[in-house]
């Protein structure tokens, strides 16, 4: 009987090991992705702008609540929540370039198994990187190195989204992460989330034929699904390569993605392992159901 493959969390000790090495290399990694200084990068500006938007939304809601409760003695003073005060216990702390970079790299670590899995050649089981453990270790390492205080550690308020690194910067970071994973014996089985999404949209398109909607509603929904597929293709390949592509032809789309999509994870893995990950080049059989393979 064939052994059942089990998906495990990557060991906590390995997550700690990876992030400890990331922390030690932060000056070097910052020099690679921000040679002109972190404050000048779009990444830092993105995080600062999001902080401003979060704070403005909070003050707006607080003011609205105070107006509703103007006869209540428990009205909260807007001035108590200055921009600096509001983010005093959040992670990453403001004005700490290394912690902002640390935070971004940790989220790129999570992206390695966003749909994909890690495996070892000496075992049949597969592994994924768990978000809760990455955040926990991120905070603990920052605290261990006195980058944050007890309150920030205990609160674990990671409320910011993460700016995605531009392709060349992402490649530098993924190369560093893969160099650690390679030394510990892990390899990657890669699944492309955009192709997976396209296959799901195509399945929804076919299912739409058998719904009880009116003919006009079916046509409208099916056209929207076709456009959604084309939007994914347009966002991942140059416009010259997909001018007349059939959004329902998965074989052609897979070929197009193999030839023209630039994926920093794939490139970084190639640079680190001297081979492509399992699952690349993409194969139709990894994304299509049995019905789609019959044609």
C-alpha atoms as a PDB file:
ATOM      1  CA  UNK A   1       0.000   0.000   0.000  1.00  0.00           C
ATOM      2  CA  UNK A   2       1.305   3.452  -0.910  1.00  0.00           C
ATOM      3  CA  UNK A   3       2.492   5.493   2.078  1.00  0.00           C
ATOM      4  CA  UNK A   4       0.428   8.552   2.867  1.00  0.00           C
ATOM      5  CA  UNK A   5       2.352  11.822   2.610  1.00  0.00           C
ATOM      6  CA  UNK A   6       1.795  14.039   5.646  1.00  0.00           C
ATOM      7  CA  UNK A   7       2.182  17.817   5.670  1.00  0.00           C
ATOM      8  CA  UNK A   8       4.076  19.014   8.734  1.00  0.00           C
ATOM      9  CA  UNK A   9       5.020  22.401  10.138  1.00  0.00           C
ATOM     10  CA  UNK A  10       8.685  23.167   9.580  1.00  0.00           C
ATOM     11  CA  UNK A  11      10.346  22.555  12.979  1.00  0.00           C
ATOM     12  CA  UNK A  12      10.264  25.520  15.343  1.00  0.00           C
ATOM     13  CA  UNK A  13      13.980  25.165  15.962  1.00  0.00           C
ATOM     14  CA  UNK A  14      14.690  25.575  12.253  1.00  0.00           C
ATOM     15  CA  UNK A  15      12.488  28.685  12.027  1.00  0.00           C
ATOM     16  CA  UNK A  16      14.498  30.122  14.909  1.00  0.00           C
ATOM     17  CA  UNK A  17      17.761  29.166  13.226  1.00  0.00           C
ATOM     18  CA  UNK A  18      16.757  30.821   9.949  1.00  0.00           C
ATOM     19  CA  UNK A  19      15.602  34.046  11.584  1.00  0.00           C
ATOM     20  CA  UNK A  20      18.641  34.203  13.846  1.00  0.00           C
ATOM     21  CA  UNK A  21      20.843  34.057  10.750  1.00  0.00           C
ATOM     22  CA  UNK A  22      18.690  36.696   9.067  1.00  0.00           C
ATOM     23  CA  UNK A  23      19.090  38.972  12.090  1.00  0.00           C
ATOM     24  CA  UNK A  24      22.871  38.593  12.108  1.00  0.00           C
ATOM     25  CA  UNK A  25      22.986  39.391   8.384  1.00  0.00           C
ATOM     26  CA  UNK A  26      20.679  42.439   8.490  1.00  0.00           C
ATOM     27  CA  UNK A  27      23.460  45.017   7.883  1.00  0.00           C
ATOM     28  CA  UNK A  28      24.611  43.070   4.833  1.00  0.00           C
ATOM     29  CA  UNK A  29      21.076  42.488   3.547  1.00  0.00           C
ATOM     30  CA  UNK A  30      20.172  46.144   4.044  1.00  0.00           C
ATOM     31  CA  UNK A  31      23.198  47.148   1.996  1.00  0.00           C
ATOM     32  CA  UNK A  32      21.997  44.872  -0.814  1.00  0.00           C
ATOM     33  CA  UNK A  33      18.401  46.101  -0.999  1.00  0.00           C
ATOM     34  CA  UNK A  34      18.841  49.689   0.218  1.00  0.00           C
ATOM     35  CA  UNK A  35      22.302  50.933  -0.826  1.00  0.00           C
ATOM     36  CA  UNK A  36      21.118  54.570  -0.596  1.00  0.00           C
ATOM     37  CA  UNK A  37      19.781  54.102   2.929  1.00  0.00           C
ATOM     38  CA  UNK A  38      16.577  52.554   4.222  1.00  0.00           C
ATOM     39  CA  UNK A  39      14.732  55.819   4.815  1.00  0.00           C
ATOM     40  CA  UNK A  40      14.952  56.622   1.097  1.00  0.00           C
ATOM     41  CA  UNK A  41      13.377  53.368  -0.061  1.00  0.00           C
ATOM     42  CA  UNK A  42       9.837  52.930  -1.324  1.00  0.00           C
ATOM     43  CA  UNK A  43       9.518  50.083   1.179  1.00  0.00           C
ATOM     44  CA  UNK A  44       9.987  52.354   4.191  1.00  0.00           C
ATOM     45  CA  UNK A  45       7.747  55.002   2.657  1.00  0.00           C
ATOM     46  CA  UNK A  46       5.059  52.362   2.082  1.00  0.00           C
ATOM     47  CA  UNK A  47       5.162  51.350   5.751  1.00  0.00           C
ATOM     48  CA  UNK A  48       5.093  54.953   6.944  1.00  0.00           C
ATOM     49  CA  UNK A  49       2.149  55.777   4.703  1.00  0.00           C
ATOM     50  CA  UNK A  50       0.245  52.772   5.985  1.00  0.00           C
ATOM     51  CA  UNK A  51       0.968  53.868   9.558  1.00  0.00           C
ATOM     52  CA  UNK A  52      -0.437  57.315   8.754  1.00  0.00           C
ATOM     53  CA  UNK A  53      -3.575  55.828   7.223  1.00  0.00           C
ATOM     54  CA  UNK A  54      -4.132  53.480  10.189  1.00  0.00           C
ATOM     55  CA  UNK A  55      -3.668  56.340  12.644  1.00  0.00           C
ATOM     56  CA  UNK A  56      -5.962  58.682  10.714  1.00  0.00           C
ATOM     57  CA  UNK A  57      -8.684  56.017  10.582  1.00  0.00           C
ATOM     58  CA  UNK A  58      -8.350  55.425  14.312  1.00  0.00           C
ATOM     59  CA  UNK A  59      -8.582  59.150  15.172  1.00  0.00           C
ATOM     60  CA  UNK A  60     -11.559  59.561  12.832  1.00  0.00           C
ATOM     61  CA  UNK A  61     -13.397  56.671  14.511  1.00  0.00           C
ATOM     62  CA  UNK A  62     -12.405  57.887  17.968  1.00  0.00           C
ATOM     63  CA  UNK A  63     -13.702  61.392  17.239  1.00  0.00           C
ATOM     64  CA  UNK A  64     -16.958  59.975  15.904  1.00  0.00           C
ATOM     65  CA  UNK A  65     -17.430  57.862  19.023  1.00  0.00           C
ATOM     66  CA  UNK A  66     -16.686  60.857  21.234  1.00  0.00           C
ATOM     67  CA  UNK A  67     -19.323  62.935  19.452  1.00  0.00           C
ATOM     68  CA  UNK A  68     -21.893  60.204  20.026  1.00  0.00           C
ATOM     69  CA  UNK A  69     -20.940  60.046  23.704  1.00  0.00           C
ATOM     70  CA  UNK A  70     -20.531  63.783  24.313  1.00  0.00           C
ATOM     71  CA  UNK A  71     -22.558  63.583  27.523  1.00  0.00           C
ATOM     72  CA  UNK A  72     -20.536  60.631  28.782  1.00  0.00           C
ATOM     73  CA  UNK A  73     -17.750  61.364  31.268  1.00  0.00           C
ATOM     74  CA  UNK A  74     -15.673  58.539  29.706  1.00  0.00           C
ATOM     75  CA  UNK A  75     -14.817  60.507  26.578  1.00  0.00           C
ATOM     76  CA  UNK A  76     -11.273  59.715  25.421  1.00  0.00           C
ATOM     77  CA  UNK A  77      -8.963  62.600  24.642  1.00  0.00           C
ATOM     78  CA  UNK A  78      -7.900  62.511  20.972  1.00  0.00           C
ATOM     79  CA  UNK A  79      -4.597  64.151  21.921  1.00  0.00           C
ATOM     80  CA  UNK A  80      -3.641  61.123  24.020  1.00  0.00           C
ATOM     81  CA  UNK A  81      -3.242  59.097  20.836  1.00  0.00           C
ATOM     82  CA  UNK A  82      -0.557  60.932  18.900  1.00  0.00           C
ATOM     83  CA  UNK A  83       1.000  59.208  15.909  1.00  0.00           C
ATOM     84  CA  UNK A  84       4.025  58.220  17.989  1.00  0.00           C
ATOM     85  CA  UNK A  85       1.961  57.032  20.954  1.00  0.00           C
ATOM     86  CA  UNK A  86      -0.337  54.923  18.836  1.00  0.00           C
ATOM     87  CA  UNK A  87       2.543  52.900  17.364  1.00  0.00           C
ATOM     88  CA  UNK A  88       4.655  52.775  20.536  1.00  0.00           C
ATOM     89  CA  UNK A  89       3.819  49.123  21.223  1.00  0.00           C
ATOM     90  CA  UNK A  90       3.573  47.816  17.652  1.00  0.00           C
ATOM     91  CA  UNK A  91       6.077  45.774  15.684  1.00  0.00           C
ATOM     92  CA  UNK A  92       8.159  46.713  13.805  1.00  0.00           C
ATOM     93  CA  UNK A  93       8.965  49.797  15.878  1.00  0.00           C
ATOM     94  CA  UNK A  94       9.180  53.111  14.057  1.00  0.00           C
ATOM     95  CA  UNK A  95      12.623  54.559  13.319  1.00  0.00           C
ATOM     96  CA  UNK A  96      14.249  51.130  13.437  1.00  0.00           C
ATOM     97  CA  UNK A  97      15.387  50.275   9.931  1.00  0.00           C
ATOM     98  CA  UNK A  98      16.707  46.830  10.812  1.00  0.00           C
ATOM     99  CA  UNK A  99      13.428  45.752  12.395  1.00  0.00           C
ATOM    100  CA  UNK A 100      11.406  46.932   9.401  1.00  0.00           C
ATOM    101  CA  UNK A 101      13.690  44.911   7.127  1.00  0.00           C
ATOM    102  CA  UNK A 102      13.531  41.953   9.523  1.00  0.00           C
ATOM    103  CA  UNK A 103       9.731  42.112   9.375  1.00  0.00           C
ATOM    104  CA  UNK A 104       9.687  42.201   5.571  1.00  0.00           C
ATOM    105  CA  UNK A 105      12.134  39.309   5.236  1.00  0.00           C
ATOM    106  CA  UNK A 106      10.111  37.196   7.682  1.00  0.00           C
ATOM    107  CA  UNK A 107       7.040  37.614   5.474  1.00  0.00           C
ATOM    108  CA  UNK A 108       9.037  36.679   2.393  1.00  0.00           C
ATOM    109  CA  UNK A 109      10.104  33.539   4.253  1.00  0.00           C
ATOM    110  CA  UNK A 110       6.401  32.699   4.612  1.00  0.00           C
ATOM    111  CA  UNK A 111       5.889  33.217   0.880  1.00  0.00           C
ATOM    112  CA  UNK A 112       8.235  30.312   0.091  1.00  0.00           C
ATOM    113  CA  UNK A 113       5.501  27.849   1.099  1.00  0.00           C
ATOM    114  CA  UNK A 114       2.486  29.944   0.132  1.00  0.00           C
ATOM    115  CA  UNK A 115       0.986  27.099  -1.904  1.00  0.00           C
ATOM    116  CA  UNK A 116       4.297  25.256  -2.211  1.00  0.00           C
ATOM    117  CA  UNK A 117       5.923  22.762   0.167  1.00  0.00           C
ATOM    118  CA  UNK A 118       9.397  21.849   1.378  1.00  0.00           C
ATOM    119  CA  UNK A 119      10.656  18.265   1.442  1.00  0.00           C
ATOM    120  CA  UNK A 120      13.753  16.257   2.214  1.00  0.00           C
ATOM    121  CA  UNK A 121      15.233  13.647  -0.088  1.00  0.00           C
ATOM    122  CA  UNK A 122      15.539  11.227   2.851  1.00  0.00           C
ATOM    123  CA  UNK A 123      11.835  11.365   3.837  1.00  0.00           C
ATOM    124  CA  UNK A 124       8.418  11.239   2.178  1.00  0.00           C
ATOM    125  CA  UNK A 125       6.742  13.912   4.282  1.00  0.00           C
ATOM    126  CA  UNK A 126       6.409  17.553   3.270  1.00  0.00           C
ATOM    127  CA  UNK A 127       6.654  20.748   5.295  1.00  0.00           C
ATOM    128  CA  UNK A 128       5.256  24.257   5.364  1.00  0.00           C
ATOM    129  CA  UNK A 129       6.364  27.411   7.183  1.00  0.00           C
ATOM    130  CA  UNK A 130       3.766  28.326   9.812  1.00  0.00           C
ATOM    131  CA  UNK A 131       2.896  32.014  10.139  1.00  0.00           C
ATOM    132  CA  UNK A 132       2.269  31.943  13.888  1.00  0.00           C
ATOM    133  CA  UNK A 133       5.698  30.468  14.575  1.00  0.00           C
ATOM    134  CA  UNK A 134       7.462  32.954  12.285  1.00  0.00           C
ATOM    135  CA  UNK A 135       5.804  35.894  14.073  1.00  0.00           C
ATOM    136  CA  UNK A 136       6.547  34.401  17.490  1.00  0.00           C
ATOM    137  CA  UNK A 137      10.221  33.814  16.672  1.00  0.00           C
ATOM    138  CA  UNK A 138      10.509  37.206  14.985  1.00  0.00           C
ATOM    139  CA  UNK A 139       9.348  38.946  18.157  1.00  0.00           C
ATOM    140  CA  UNK A 140      11.473  36.763  20.454  1.00  0.00           C
ATOM    141  CA  UNK A 141      14.654  37.354  18.505  1.00  0.00           C
ATOM    142  CA  UNK A 142      14.025  41.092  18.400  1.00  0.00           C
ATOM    143  CA  UNK A 143      13.493  41.059  22.187  1.00  0.00           C
ATOM    144  CA  UNK A 144      16.557  38.884  22.769  1.00  0.00           C
ATOM    145  CA  UNK A 145      18.690  41.456  20.970  1.00  0.00           C
ATOM    146  CA  UNK A 146      17.046  44.365  22.843  1.00  0.00           C
ATOM    147  CA  UNK A 147      15.411  45.805  19.745  1.00  0.00           C
ATOM    148  CA  UNK A 148      12.044  45.966  21.556  1.00  0.00           C
ATOM    149  CA  UNK A 149      10.878  46.187  25.156  1.00  0.00           C
ATOM    150  CA  UNK A 150       8.701  43.888  27.268  1.00  0.00           C
ATOM    151  CA  UNK A 151       5.463  45.626  26.289  1.00  0.00           C
ATOM    152  CA  UNK A 152       6.036  45.240  22.555  1.00  0.00           C
ATOM    153  CA  UNK A 153       7.052  41.618  23.092  1.00  0.00           C
ATOM    154  CA  UNK A 154       3.952  40.815  25.120  1.00  0.00           C
ATOM    155  CA  UNK A 155       1.560  42.672  22.819  1.00  0.00           C
ATOM    156  CA  UNK A 156       2.842  41.199  19.537  1.00  0.00           C
ATOM    157  CA  UNK A 157       0.904  43.844  17.609  1.00  0.00           C
ATOM    158  CA  UNK A 158       2.040  43.243  14.031  1.00  0.00           C
ATOM    159  CA  UNK A 159      -0.605  45.374  12.329  1.00  0.00           C
ATOM    160  CA  UNK A 160       1.219  46.479   9.183  1.00  0.00           C
ATOM    161  CA  UNK A 161       1.017  44.734   5.851  1.00  0.00           C
ATOM    162  CA  UNK A 162       4.293  43.995   4.114  1.00  0.00           C
ATOM    163  CA  UNK A 163       5.581  45.753   1.001  1.00  0.00           C
ATOM    164  CA  UNK A 164       6.699  43.258  -1.623  1.00  0.00           C
ATOM    165  CA  UNK A 165      10.313  43.641  -2.610  1.00  0.00           C
ATOM    166  CA  UNK A 166      11.090  44.475  -6.207  1.00  0.00           C
ATOM    167  CA  UNK A 167      12.299  41.522  -8.258  1.00  0.00           C
ATOM    168  CA  UNK A 168      16.075  41.935  -7.866  1.00  0.00           C
ATOM    169  CA  UNK A 169      15.756  42.774  -4.157  1.00  0.00           C
ATOM    170  CA  UNK A 170      13.482  39.781  -3.611  1.00  0.00           C
ATOM    171  CA  UNK A 171      15.990  37.534  -5.369  1.00  0.00           C
ATOM    172  CA  UNK A 172      18.738  38.651  -2.955  1.00  0.00           C
ATOM    173  CA  UNK A 173      16.540  37.847   0.047  1.00  0.00           C
ATOM    174  CA  UNK A 174      15.272  34.511  -1.269  1.00  0.00           C
ATOM    175  CA  UNK A 175      18.826  33.471  -2.142  1.00  0.00           C
ATOM    176  CA  UNK A 176      19.862  34.086   1.447  1.00  0.00           C
ATOM    177  CA  UNK A 177      16.891  32.097   2.795  1.00  0.00           C
ATOM    178  CA  UNK A 178      17.403  29.234   0.357  1.00  0.00           C
ATOM    179  CA  UNK A 179      21.099  29.019   1.234  1.00  0.00           C
ATOM    180  CA  UNK A 180      20.055  28.172   4.805  1.00  0.00           C
ATOM    181  CA  UNK A 181      17.384  25.696   3.729  1.00  0.00           C
ATOM    182  CA  UNK A 182      19.807  23.962   1.357  1.00  0.00           C
ATOM    183  CA  UNK A 183      22.367  23.473   4.119  1.00  0.00           C
ATOM    184  CA  UNK A 184      19.711  21.888   6.313  1.00  0.00           C
ATOM    185  CA  UNK A 185      18.660  19.439   3.592  1.00  0.00           C
ATOM    186  CA  UNK A 186      15.367  20.953   2.461  1.00  0.00           C
ATOM    187  CA  UNK A 187      14.238  21.316  -1.143  1.00  0.00           C
ATOM    188  CA  UNK A 188      11.199  22.983  -2.710  1.00  0.00           C
ATOM    189  CA  UNK A 189       8.204  21.575  -4.535  1.00  0.00           C
ATOM    190  CA  UNK A 190       6.810  24.659  -6.230  1.00  0.00           C
ATOM    191  CA  UNK A 191       3.196  25.477  -7.053  1.00  0.00           C
ATOM    192  CA  UNK A 192       2.493  28.719  -8.883  1.00  0.00           C
ATOM    193  CA  UNK A 193      -0.449  30.451  -7.202  1.00  0.00           C
ATOM    194  CA  UNK A 194      -1.390  32.444 -10.306  1.00  0.00           C
ATOM    195  CA  UNK A 195      -1.628  29.300 -12.424  1.00  0.00           C
ATOM    196  CA  UNK A 196      -3.585  27.610  -9.665  1.00  0.00           C
ATOM    197  CA  UNK A 197      -5.982  30.561  -9.615  1.00  0.00           C
ATOM    198  CA  UNK A 198      -6.353  30.473 -13.407  1.00  0.00           C
ATOM    199  CA  UNK A 199      -7.213  26.766 -13.278  1.00  0.00           C
ATOM    200  CA  UNK A 200      -9.833  27.476 -10.592  1.00  0.00           C
ATOM    201  CA  UNK A 201     -11.356  30.273 -12.686  1.00  0.00           C
ATOM    202  CA  UNK A 202     -11.509  27.965 -15.711  1.00  0.00           C
ATOM    203  CA  UNK A 203     -13.296  25.347 -13.617  1.00  0.00           C
ATOM    204  CA  UNK A 204     -15.763  27.994 -12.433  1.00  0.00           C
ATOM    205  CA  UNK A 205     -16.317  28.939 -16.085  1.00  0.00           C
ATOM    206  CA  UNK A 206     -17.214  25.365 -16.994  1.00  0.00           C
ATOM    207  CA  UNK A 207     -19.463  24.999 -13.937  1.00  0.00           C
ATOM    208  CA  UNK A 208     -21.280  28.184 -14.918  1.00  0.00           C
ATOM    209  CA  UNK A 209     -22.763  26.357 -17.927  1.00  0.00           C
ATOM    210  CA  UNK A 210     -24.855  24.195 -15.615  1.00  0.00           C
ATOM    211  CA  UNK A 211     -26.191  26.839 -13.255  1.00  0.00           C
ATOM    212  CA  UNK A 212     -29.859  27.855 -13.134  1.00  0.00           C
ATOM    213  CA  UNK A 213     -29.102  31.459 -14.014  1.00  0.00           C
ATOM    214  CA  UNK A 214     -30.664  33.149 -17.007  1.00  0.00           C
ATOM    215  CA  UNK A 215     -28.776  33.043 -20.297  1.00  0.00           C
ATOM    216  CA  UNK A 216     -27.865  36.724 -19.981  1.00  0.00           C
ATOM    217  CA  UNK A 217     -26.538  36.260 -16.436  1.00  0.00           C
ATOM    218  CA  UNK A 218     -24.514  33.218 -17.483  1.00  0.00           C
ATOM    219  CA  UNK A 219     -22.987  35.123 -20.392  1.00  0.00           C
ATOM    220  CA  UNK A 220     -22.145  38.090 -18.166  1.00  0.00           C
ATOM    221  CA  UNK A 221     -20.518  35.923 -15.507  1.00  0.00           C
ATOM    222  CA  UNK A 222     -18.590  33.825 -18.005  1.00  0.00           C
ATOM    223  CA  UNK A 223     -17.219  36.922 -19.727  1.00  0.00           C
ATOM    224  CA  UNK A 224     -16.122  38.262 -16.345  1.00  0.00           C
ATOM    225  CA  UNK A 225     -14.338  34.981 -15.564  1.00  0.00           C
ATOM    226  CA  UNK A 226     -12.544  35.181 -18.918  1.00  0.00           C
ATOM    227  CA  UNK A 227     -11.482  38.745 -18.136  1.00  0.00           C
ATOM    228  CA  UNK A 228     -10.288  37.730 -14.663  1.00  0.00           C
ATOM    229  CA  UNK A 229      -8.067  35.081 -16.249  1.00  0.00           C
ATOM    230  CA  UNK A 230      -6.681  37.561 -18.760  1.00  0.00           C
ATOM    231  CA  UNK A 231      -5.955  40.023 -15.947  1.00  0.00           C
ATOM    232  CA  UNK A 232      -3.813  37.410 -14.178  1.00  0.00           C
ATOM    233  CA  UNK A 233      -1.950  36.693 -17.411  1.00  0.00           C
ATOM    234  CA  UNK A 234      -1.447  40.404 -18.131  1.00  0.00           C
ATOM    235  CA  UNK A 235      -0.015  40.971 -14.644  1.00  0.00           C
ATOM    236  CA  UNK A 236       2.564  38.215 -15.059  1.00  0.00           C
ATOM    237  CA  UNK A 237       3.780  38.476 -18.649  1.00  0.00           C
ATOM    238  CA  UNK A 238       4.686  41.205 -21.114  1.00  0.00           C
ATOM    239  CA  UNK A 239       1.766  42.399 -23.239  1.00  0.00           C
ATOM    240  CA  UNK A 240       3.498  41.434 -26.497  1.00  0.00           C
ATOM    241  CA  UNK A 241       3.308  37.763 -25.532  1.00  0.00           C
ATOM    242  CA  UNK A 242      -0.401  37.404 -24.765  1.00  0.00           C
ATOM    243  CA  UNK A 243      -2.166  39.459 -27.405  1.00  0.00           C
ATOM    244  CA  UNK A 244      -4.544  36.763 -28.697  1.00  0.00           C
ATOM    245  CA  UNK A 245      -4.356  34.081 -26.037  1.00  0.00           C
ATOM    246  CA  UNK A 246      -7.429  31.972 -25.305  1.00  0.00           C
ATOM    247  CA  UNK A 247      -8.188  32.381 -21.568  1.00  0.00           C
ATOM    248  CA  UNK A 248      -9.655  28.855 -21.488  1.00  0.00           C
ATOM    249  CA  UNK A 249      -6.623  27.122 -23.011  1.00  0.00           C
ATOM    250  CA  UNK A 250      -4.604  26.001 -19.981  1.00  0.00           C
ATOM    251  CA  UNK A 251      -1.930  24.292 -22.090  1.00  0.00           C
ATOM    252  CA  UNK A 252      -1.117  27.528 -23.922  1.00  0.00           C
ATOM    253  CA  UNK A 253      -1.205  29.562 -20.711  1.00  0.00           C
ATOM    254  CA  UNK A 254       1.204  27.164 -18.964  1.00  0.00           C
ATOM    255  CA  UNK A 255       3.571  27.392 -21.929  1.00  0.00           C
ATOM    256  CA  UNK A 256       3.324  31.189 -21.870  1.00  0.00           C
ATOM    257  CA  UNK A 257       4.110  31.315 -18.145  1.00  0.00           C
ATOM    258  CA  UNK A 258       7.052  28.956 -18.559  1.00  0.00           C
ATOM    259  CA  UNK A 259       8.519  31.110 -21.295  1.00  0.00           C
ATOM    260  CA  UNK A 260       7.789  34.617 -20.064  1.00  0.00           C
ATOM    261  CA  UNK A 261       6.934  34.833 -16.358  1.00  0.00           C
ATOM    262  CA  UNK A 262       9.752  36.057 -14.099  1.00  0.00           C
ATOM    263  CA  UNK A 263       9.480  34.552 -10.628  1.00  0.00           C
ATOM    264  CA  UNK A 264      12.074  35.654  -8.028  1.00  0.00           C
ATOM    265  CA  UNK A 265      11.540  32.478  -5.981  1.00  0.00           C
ATOM    266  CA  UNK A 266      12.358  30.292  -8.987  1.00  0.00           C
ATOM    267  CA  UNK A 267      15.412  32.359  -9.914  1.00  0.00           C
ATOM    268  CA  UNK A 268      16.728  32.499  -6.352  1.00  0.00           C
ATOM    269  CA  UNK A 269      16.266  28.746  -5.958  1.00  0.00           C
ATOM    270  CA  UNK A 270      18.168  28.134  -9.194  1.00  0.00           C
ATOM    271  CA  UNK A 271      21.040  30.342  -8.008  1.00  0.00           C
ATOM    272  CA  UNK A 272      21.155  28.569  -4.646  1.00  0.00           C
ATOM    273  CA  UNK A 273      20.673  24.912  -5.683  1.00  0.00           C
ATOM    274  CA  UNK A 274      21.981  25.002  -9.272  1.00  0.00           C
ATOM    275  CA  UNK A 275      18.727  23.378 -10.383  1.00  0.00           C
ATOM    276  CA  UNK A 276      15.074  24.277 -10.672  1.00  0.00           C
ATOM    277  CA  UNK A 277      12.667  23.280  -7.902  1.00  0.00           C
ATOM    278  CA  UNK A 278      10.375  20.315  -8.360  1.00  0.00           C
ATOM    279  CA  UNK A 279       7.307  21.612 -10.165  1.00  0.00           C
ATOM    280  CA  UNK A 280       9.202  23.909 -12.538  1.00  0.00           C
ATOM    281  CA  UNK A 281       8.962  24.151 -15.518  1.00  0.00           C
ATOM    282  CA  UNK A 282       5.225  24.170 -14.907  1.00  0.00           C
ATOM    283  CA  UNK A 283       3.221  21.184 -16.119  1.00  0.00           C
ATOM    284  CA  UNK A 284      -0.455  21.208 -17.043  1.00  0.00           C
ATOM    285  CA  UNK A 285      -0.985  18.037 -15.001  1.00  0.00           C
ATOM    286  CA  UNK A 286      -0.092  19.911 -11.781  1.00  0.00           C
ATOM    287  CA  UNK A 287      -2.947  22.363 -12.278  1.00  0.00           C
ATOM    288  CA  UNK A 288      -5.645  20.695 -14.394  1.00  0.00           C
ATOM    289  CA  UNK A 289      -8.287  18.280 -13.198  1.00  0.00           C
ATOM    290  CA  UNK A 290      -8.821  14.986 -15.003  1.00  0.00           C
ATOM    291  CA  UNK A 291     -11.436  16.513 -17.325  1.00  0.00           C
ATOM    292  CA  UNK A 292      -9.035  19.150 -18.602  1.00  0.00           C
ATOM    293  CA  UNK A 293      -6.364  16.537 -19.348  1.00  0.00           C
ATOM    294  CA  UNK A 294      -8.615  14.519 -21.667  1.00  0.00           C
ATOM    295  CA  UNK A 295      -8.395  16.951 -24.554  1.00  0.00           C
END
